[in-house]
Amino acid sequence: MTGASSATLSAGGEAKGICGSGLVDLVAVLLERGVIDESGRLLPPQDAPEDMRRYLTEDGQGNGVFHLTKAVSLTARDVRNLQLAKAAVAGGIRVLLEQRSVTADDIASVELAGGFGNYLSPENVVRIGMLPRACLSNQTPWQRGARGRFDAGARRGKLAKARGDSQKVPLSRAFRARRLFPRVHRQFDILKIAPNRNF
């Protein structure tokens, strides 16, 4: 792509697909470049910025297909699946904030952990609206390798206390009560790919 954008392979060799954290990064970049709009539509070549058209073809249904390599591409279905996943996370956060009668500004820290969380870009997670912008300065990805083991050890007590103070919230019931996933998805803001300060 033009500009400073680049992609690397986590294990070297030839690209065979896009990992989850890579999908978040790619969608965030394409949103910034105007290739994906806030509704989640992957634009066909004729509707995309001129400097990005050479990476795009049309899927026959009015959507674009973004080609990273000859073998790897991003489709409208890929973007839609990410929208649903990010909406589930954002919806869960919204429910928990309501349960505590607080806003995202009141959150002291956000821990990004696990095989997926370790590789997430905090900026891009916020850019697609998975986490509120108010949490950006409070996000802490867990370190990997030797430092990660030390880091995890230092946090174990904190997490054990948090687990003890936690309570179970059945999100599926809460989603239905708040109509966070109505039948007509595209009419609800939680599916938009855009940053939000609070949910």
C-alpha atoms as a PDB file:
ATOM      1  CA  MET A   1       0.000   0.000   0.000  1.00  0.00           C
ATOM      2  CA  THR A   2       1.040   3.586  -0.369  1.00  0.00           C
ATOM      3  CA  GLY A   3       2.376   5.591   2.542  1.00  0.00           C
ATOM      4  CA  ALA A   4       3.932   3.969   5.586  1.00  0.00           C
ATOM      5  CA  SER A   5       1.648   0.915   5.795  1.00  0.00           C
ATOM      6  CA  SER A   6       3.290  -2.506   5.760  1.00  0.00           C
ATOM      7  CA  ALA A   7       2.544  -6.084   6.773  1.00  0.00           C
ATOM      8  CA  THR A   8       4.746  -8.810   8.233  1.00  0.00           C
ATOM      9  CA  LEU A   9       4.298 -12.559   8.704  1.00  0.00           C
ATOM     10  CA  SER A  10       4.285 -13.870  12.266  1.00  0.00           C
ATOM     11  CA  ALA A  11       6.098 -17.085  11.256  1.00  0.00           C
ATOM     12  CA  GLY A  12       7.871 -15.989   8.084  1.00  0.00           C
ATOM     13  CA  GLY A  13       7.385 -17.629   4.705  1.00  0.00           C
ATOM     14  CA  GLU A  14       4.485 -17.032   2.317  1.00  0.00           C
ATOM     15  CA  ALA A  15       1.210 -15.568   3.569  1.00  0.00           C
ATOM     16  CA  LYS A  16      -1.697 -18.031   3.760  1.00  0.00           C
ATOM     17  CA  GLY A  17      -4.248 -15.981   5.659  1.00  0.00           C
ATOM     18  CA  ILE A  18      -4.919 -13.163   8.110  1.00  0.00           C
ATOM     19  CA  CYS A  19      -4.806 -13.747  11.874  1.00  0.00           C
ATOM     20  CA  GLY A  20      -7.336 -12.135  14.230  1.00  0.00           C
ATOM     21  CA  SER A  21      -5.134  -9.289  15.422  1.00  0.00           C
ATOM     22  CA  GLY A  22      -3.997  -8.726  11.832  1.00  0.00           C
ATOM     23  CA  LEU A  23      -7.633  -8.455  10.769  1.00  0.00           C
ATOM     24  CA  VAL A  24      -8.216  -5.748  13.391  1.00  0.00           C
ATOM     25  CA  ASP A  25      -5.155  -3.846  12.151  1.00  0.00           C
ATOM     26  CA  LEU A  26      -6.084  -4.195   8.484  1.00  0.00           C
ATOM     27  CA  VAL A  27      -9.664  -3.011   8.987  1.00  0.00           C
ATOM     28  CA  ALA A  28      -8.448  -0.072  11.073  1.00  0.00           C
ATOM     29  CA  VAL A  29      -6.010   0.962   8.335  1.00  0.00           C
ATOM     30  CA  LEU A  30      -8.585   0.569   5.558  1.00  0.00           C
ATOM     31  CA  LEU A  31     -11.050   2.593   7.591  1.00  0.00           C
ATOM     32  CA  GLU A  32      -8.469   5.370   7.854  1.00  0.00           C
ATOM     33  CA  ARG A  33      -7.733   5.142   4.109  1.00  0.00           C
ATOM     34  CA  GLY A  34     -11.416   5.361   3.175  1.00  0.00           C
ATOM     35  CA  VAL A  35     -11.615   1.838   1.737  1.00  0.00           C
ATOM     36  CA  ILE A  36     -14.088   0.751   4.440  1.00  0.00           C
ATOM     37  CA  ASP A  37     -16.811   3.118   5.594  1.00  0.00           C
ATOM     38  CA  GLU A  38     -18.227   3.362   9.123  1.00  0.00           C
ATOM     39  CA  SER A  39     -21.146   1.079   8.267  1.00  0.00           C
ATOM     40  CA  GLY A  40     -18.584  -1.645   7.575  1.00  0.00           C
ATOM     41  CA  ARG A  41     -18.975  -1.645   3.796  1.00  0.00           C
ATOM     42  CA  LEU A  42     -15.840  -2.626   1.917  1.00  0.00           C
ATOM     43  CA  LEU A  43     -15.978  -0.286  -1.052  1.00  0.00           C
ATOM     44  CA  PRO A  44     -15.627  -1.463  -4.664  1.00  0.00           C
ATOM     45  CA  PRO A  45     -12.831   0.085  -6.739  1.00  0.00           C
ATOM     46  CA  GLN A  46     -14.957   2.819  -8.306  1.00  0.00           C
ATOM     47  CA  ASP A  47     -16.025   4.150  -4.876  1.00  0.00           C
ATOM     48  CA  ALA A  48     -12.644   3.885  -3.147  1.00  0.00           C
ATOM     49  CA  PRO A  49      -9.873   6.512  -3.045  1.00  0.00           C
ATOM     50  CA  GLU A  50      -7.933   6.514  -6.302  1.00  0.00           C
ATOM     51  CA  ASP A  51      -4.607   5.520  -4.739  1.00  0.00           C
ATOM     52  CA  MET A  52      -6.178   2.368  -3.244  1.00  0.00           C
ATOM     53  CA  ARG A  53      -8.089   1.114  -6.289  1.00  0.00           C
ATOM     54  CA  ARG A  54      -5.280  -1.073  -7.595  1.00  0.00           C
ATOM     55  CA  TYR A  55      -5.668  -3.323  -4.533  1.00  0.00           C
ATOM     56  CA  LEU A  56      -9.409  -3.795  -5.069  1.00  0.00           C
ATOM     57  CA  THR A  57     -11.713  -5.856  -7.223  1.00  0.00           C
ATOM     58  CA  GLU A  58     -15.487  -6.211  -7.029  1.00  0.00           C
ATOM     59  CA  ASP A  59     -17.234  -9.291  -5.615  1.00  0.00           C
ATOM     60  CA  GLY A  60     -20.252  -9.156  -7.913  1.00  0.00           C
ATOM     61  CA  GLN A  61     -22.550  -7.964  -5.110  1.00  0.00           C
ATOM     62  CA  GLY A  62     -21.506  -4.335  -5.020  1.00  0.00           C
ATOM     63  CA  ASN A  63     -18.750  -4.826  -2.422  1.00  0.00           C
ATOM     64  CA  GLY A  64     -15.011  -4.655  -2.762  1.00  0.00           C
ATOM     65  CA  VAL A  65     -12.407  -7.376  -2.283  1.00  0.00           C
ATOM     66  CA  PHE A  66      -9.106  -6.056  -0.932  1.00  0.00           C
ATOM     67  CA  HIS A  67      -6.082  -8.063  -2.115  1.00  0.00           C
ATOM     68  CA  LEU A  68      -3.044  -8.258   0.150  1.00  0.00           C
ATOM     69  CA  THR A  69      -1.359 -10.882  -2.056  1.00  0.00           C
ATOM     70  CA  LYS A  70      -2.500 -13.080  -4.929  1.00  0.00           C
ATOM     71  CA  ALA A  71      -3.573 -15.705  -2.384  1.00  0.00           C
ATOM     72  CA  VAL A  72      -4.789 -13.566   0.527  1.00  0.00           C
ATOM     73  CA  SER A  73      -7.628 -11.080   0.392  1.00  0.00           C
ATOM     74  CA  LEU A  74     -10.154  -9.355   2.632  1.00  0.00           C
ATOM     75  CA  THR A  75     -13.832  -9.783   1.752  1.00  0.00           C
ATOM     76  CA  ALA A  76     -17.058  -8.138   2.863  1.00  0.00           C
ATOM     77  CA  ARG A  77     -17.839 -11.309   4.815  1.00  0.00           C
ATOM     78  CA  ASP A  78     -14.552 -10.997   6.736  1.00  0.00           C
ATOM     79  CA  VAL A  79     -15.419  -7.420   7.706  1.00  0.00           C
ATOM     80  CA  ARG A  80     -18.932  -8.459   8.707  1.00  0.00           C
ATOM     81  CA  ASN A  81     -17.631 -11.217  10.978  1.00  0.00           C
ATOM     82  CA  LEU A  82     -15.286  -8.742  12.629  1.00  0.00           C
ATOM     83  CA  GLN A  83     -18.204  -6.341  13.109  1.00  0.00           C
ATOM     84  CA  LEU A  84     -20.196  -9.016  14.921  1.00  0.00           C
ATOM     85  CA  ALA A  85     -17.234  -9.966  17.121  1.00  0.00           C
ATOM     86  CA  LYS A  86     -16.413  -6.379  17.991  1.00  0.00           C
ATOM     87  CA  ALA A  87     -20.102  -5.658  18.660  1.00  0.00           C
ATOM     88  CA  ALA A  88     -20.224  -8.555  21.139  1.00  0.00           C
ATOM     89  CA  VAL A  89     -17.209  -7.161  23.015  1.00  0.00           C
ATOM     90  CA  ALA A  90     -18.510  -3.575  22.906  1.00  0.00           C
ATOM     91  CA  GLY A  91     -21.973  -4.729  23.956  1.00  0.00           C
ATOM     92  CA  GLY A  92     -20.535  -6.635  26.904  1.00  0.00           C
ATOM     93  CA  ILE A  93     -18.611  -3.564  27.999  1.00  0.00           C
ATOM     94  CA  ARG A  94     -21.736  -1.433  27.688  1.00  0.00           C
ATOM     95  CA  VAL A  95     -23.698  -3.847  29.882  1.00  0.00           C
ATOM     96  CA  LEU A  96     -20.973  -3.970  32.535  1.00  0.00           C
ATOM     97  CA  LEU A  97     -20.681  -0.177  32.630  1.00  0.00           C
ATOM     98  CA  GLU A  98     -24.439   0.095  33.094  1.00  0.00           C
ATOM     99  CA  GLN A  99     -24.359  -2.539  35.838  1.00  0.00           C
ATOM    100  CA  ARG A 100     -21.873  -0.412  37.787  1.00  0.00           C
ATOM    101  CA  SER A 101     -23.459   2.927  36.849  1.00  0.00           C
ATOM    102  CA  VAL A 102     -20.120   4.221  35.550  1.00  0.00           C
ATOM    103  CA  THR A 103     -18.680   5.419  32.247  1.00  0.00           C
ATOM    104  CA  ALA A 104     -15.551   4.368  30.385  1.00  0.00           C
ATOM    105  CA  ASP A 105     -13.784   7.388  31.885  1.00  0.00           C
ATOM    106  CA  ASP A 106     -14.034   5.668  35.278  1.00  0.00           C
ATOM    107  CA  ILE A 107     -12.150   2.530  34.194  1.00  0.00           C
ATOM    108  CA  ALA A 108      -8.728   2.446  35.846  1.00  0.00           C
ATOM    109  CA  SER A 109      -7.091  -0.152  33.573  1.00  0.00           C
ATOM    110  CA  VAL A 110      -7.794  -2.535  30.717  1.00  0.00           C
ATOM    111  CA  GLU A 111      -5.675  -5.701  30.536  1.00  0.00           C
ATOM    112  CA  LEU A 112      -5.162  -7.158  27.036  1.00  0.00           C
ATOM    113  CA  ALA A 113      -4.101 -10.751  27.619  1.00  0.00           C
ATOM    114  CA  GLY A 114      -4.135 -14.176  26.007  1.00  0.00           C
ATOM    115  CA  GLY A 115      -2.867 -15.343  22.643  1.00  0.00           C
ATOM    116  CA  PHE A 116      -5.144 -12.869  20.874  1.00  0.00           C
ATOM    117  CA  GLY A 117      -4.873  -9.914  23.243  1.00  0.00           C
ATOM    118  CA  ASN A 118      -1.075 -10.032  23.304  1.00  0.00           C
ATOM    119  CA  TYR A 119      -0.892  -9.033  19.654  1.00  0.00           C
ATOM    120  CA  LEU A 120      -3.668  -6.457  19.555  1.00  0.00           C
ATOM    121  CA  SER A 121      -2.832  -2.843  18.840  1.00  0.00           C
ATOM    122  CA  PRO A 122      -4.593  -0.731  21.512  1.00  0.00           C
ATOM    123  CA  GLU A 123      -4.946   2.131  19.030  1.00  0.00           C
ATOM    124  CA  ASN A 124      -6.579  -0.051  16.390  1.00  0.00           C
ATOM    125  CA  VAL A 125      -8.897  -1.772  18.859  1.00  0.00           C
ATOM    126  CA  VAL A 126     -10.172   1.692  19.762  1.00  0.00           C
ATOM    127  CA  ARG A 127     -10.221   2.796  16.112  1.00  0.00           C
ATOM    128  CA  ILE A 128     -12.738   0.105  15.135  1.00  0.00           C
ATOM    129  CA  GLY A 129     -14.862   0.764  18.229  1.00  0.00           C
ATOM    130  CA  MET A 130     -14.191  -2.507  20.078  1.00  0.00           C
ATOM    131  CA  LEU A 131     -13.059  -0.586  23.166  1.00  0.00           C
ATOM    132  CA  PRO A 132     -14.000   2.996  24.075  1.00  0.00           C
ATOM    133  CA  ARG A 133     -11.501   5.745  23.311  1.00  0.00           C
ATOM    134  CA  ALA A 134     -11.593   6.762  26.969  1.00  0.00           C
ATOM    135  CA  CYS A 135      -9.733   3.509  27.760  1.00  0.00           C
ATOM    136  CA  LEU A 136      -6.883   4.031  25.301  1.00  0.00           C
ATOM    137  CA  SER A 137      -4.421   5.458  27.807  1.00  0.00           C
ATOM    138  CA  ASN A 138      -5.320   2.718  30.316  1.00  0.00           C
ATOM    139  CA  GLN A 139      -4.776  -0.311  28.064  1.00  0.00           C
ATOM    140  CA  THR A 140      -1.891  -2.612  28.978  1.00  0.00           C
ATOM    141  CA  PRO A 141      -0.976  -5.494  26.647  1.00  0.00           C
ATOM    142  CA  TRP A 142       0.660  -8.367  28.531  1.00  0.00           C
ATOM    143  CA  GLN A 143       4.281  -8.921  27.584  1.00  0.00           C
ATOM    144  CA  ARG A 144       5.434 -12.152  25.898  1.00  0.00           C
ATOM    145  CA  GLY A 145       8.480 -14.310  26.580  1.00  0.00           C
ATOM    146  CA  ALA A 146      10.639 -14.037  29.709  1.00  0.00           C
ATOM    147  CA  ARG A 147       9.431 -10.550  30.500  1.00  0.00           C
ATOM    148  CA  GLY A 148       5.884 -11.791  30.073  1.00  0.00           C
ATOM    149  CA  ARG A 149       6.396 -14.480  32.709  1.00  0.00           C
ATOM    150  CA  PHE A 150       7.706 -11.871  35.132  1.00  0.00           C
ATOM    151  CA  ASP A 151       4.900  -9.513  34.191  1.00  0.00           C
ATOM    152  CA  ALA A 152       2.265 -12.202  34.739  1.00  0.00           C
ATOM    153  CA  GLY A 153       3.753 -13.105  38.101  1.00  0.00           C
ATOM    154  CA  ALA A 154       3.639  -9.500  39.247  1.00  0.00           C
ATOM    155  CA  ARG A 155      -0.024  -9.228  38.263  1.00  0.00           C
ATOM    156  CA  ARG A 156      -1.227 -12.576  39.595  1.00  0.00           C
ATOM    157  CA  GLY A 157      -2.184 -11.195  42.989  1.00  0.00           C
ATOM    158  CA  LYS A 158      -4.039  -8.288  41.437  1.00  0.00           C
ATOM    159  CA  LEU A 159      -5.991 -10.594  39.151  1.00  0.00           C
ATOM    160  CA  ALA A 160      -6.787 -13.027  41.984  1.00  0.00           C
ATOM    161  CA  LYS A 161      -8.285 -10.170  43.970  1.00  0.00           C
ATOM    162  CA  ALA A 162     -10.264  -8.982  40.956  1.00  0.00           C
ATOM    163  CA  ARG A 163     -11.613 -12.511  40.455  1.00  0.00           C
ATOM    164  CA  GLY A 164     -12.731 -12.628  44.056  1.00  0.00           C
ATOM    165  CA  ASP A 165     -14.513  -9.292  43.726  1.00  0.00           C
ATOM    166  CA  SER A 166     -16.216 -10.249  40.461  1.00  0.00           C
ATOM    167  CA  GLN A 167     -19.756 -11.414  39.847  1.00  0.00           C
ATOM    168  CA  LYS A 168     -21.291 -13.295  36.949  1.00  0.00           C
ATOM    169  CA  VAL A 169     -23.345 -11.234  34.512  1.00  0.00           C
ATOM    170  CA  PRO A 170     -25.351 -13.249  31.936  1.00  0.00           C
ATOM    171  CA  LEU A 171     -24.664 -11.130  28.875  1.00  0.00           C
ATOM    172  CA  SER A 172     -27.039 -12.914  26.496  1.00  0.00           C
ATOM    173  CA  ARG A 173     -29.988 -12.043  28.745  1.00  0.00           C
ATOM    174  CA  ALA A 174     -28.744  -8.486  29.162  1.00  0.00           C
ATOM    175  CA  PHE A 175     -28.292  -8.114  25.387  1.00  0.00           C
ATOM    176  CA  ARG A 176     -31.889  -9.144  24.782  1.00  0.00           C
ATOM    177  CA  ALA A 177     -33.211  -6.811  27.481  1.00  0.00           C
ATOM    178  CA  ARG A 178     -31.291  -3.848  26.057  1.00  0.00           C
ATOM    179  CA  ARG A 179     -31.900  -4.807  22.410  1.00  0.00           C
ATOM    180  CA  LEU A 180     -28.166  -4.545  21.683  1.00  0.00           C
ATOM    181  CA  PHE A 181     -28.589  -7.029  18.825  1.00  0.00           C
ATOM    182  CA  PRO A 182     -31.897  -6.195  17.131  1.00  0.00           C
ATOM    183  CA  ARG A 183     -32.990  -8.042  14.021  1.00  0.00           C
ATOM    184  CA  VAL A 184     -31.953  -5.196  11.723  1.00  0.00           C
ATOM    185  CA  HIS A 185     -28.264  -5.024  12.719  1.00  0.00           C
ATOM    186  CA  ARG A 186     -27.233  -2.268  10.352  1.00  0.00           C
ATOM    187  CA  GLN A 187     -29.568   0.241  12.007  1.00  0.00           C
ATOM    188  CA  PHE A 188     -27.827  -0.013  15.369  1.00  0.00           C
ATOM    189  CA  ASP A 189     -24.728   1.996  16.237  1.00  0.00           C
ATOM    190  CA  ILE A 190     -22.890  -0.819  18.004  1.00  0.00           C
ATOM    191  CA  LEU A 191     -22.059  -2.414  14.651  1.00  0.00           C
ATOM    192  CA  LYS A 192     -20.497   0.752  13.275  1.00  0.00           C
ATOM    193  CA  ILE A 193     -16.744   0.580  12.799  1.00  0.00           C
ATOM    194  CA  ALA A 194     -15.824   3.872  14.419  1.00  0.00           C
ATOM    195  CA  PRO A 195     -14.235   5.090  17.649  1.00  0.00           C
ATOM    196  CA  ASN A 196     -16.458   5.972  20.606  1.00  0.00           C
ATOM    197  CA  ARG A 197     -15.390   7.690  23.793  1.00  0.00           C
ATOM    198  CA  ASN A 198     -18.000   5.871  25.838  1.00  0.00           C
ATOM    199  CA  PHE A 199     -20.502   3.092  25.158  1.00  0.00           C
END
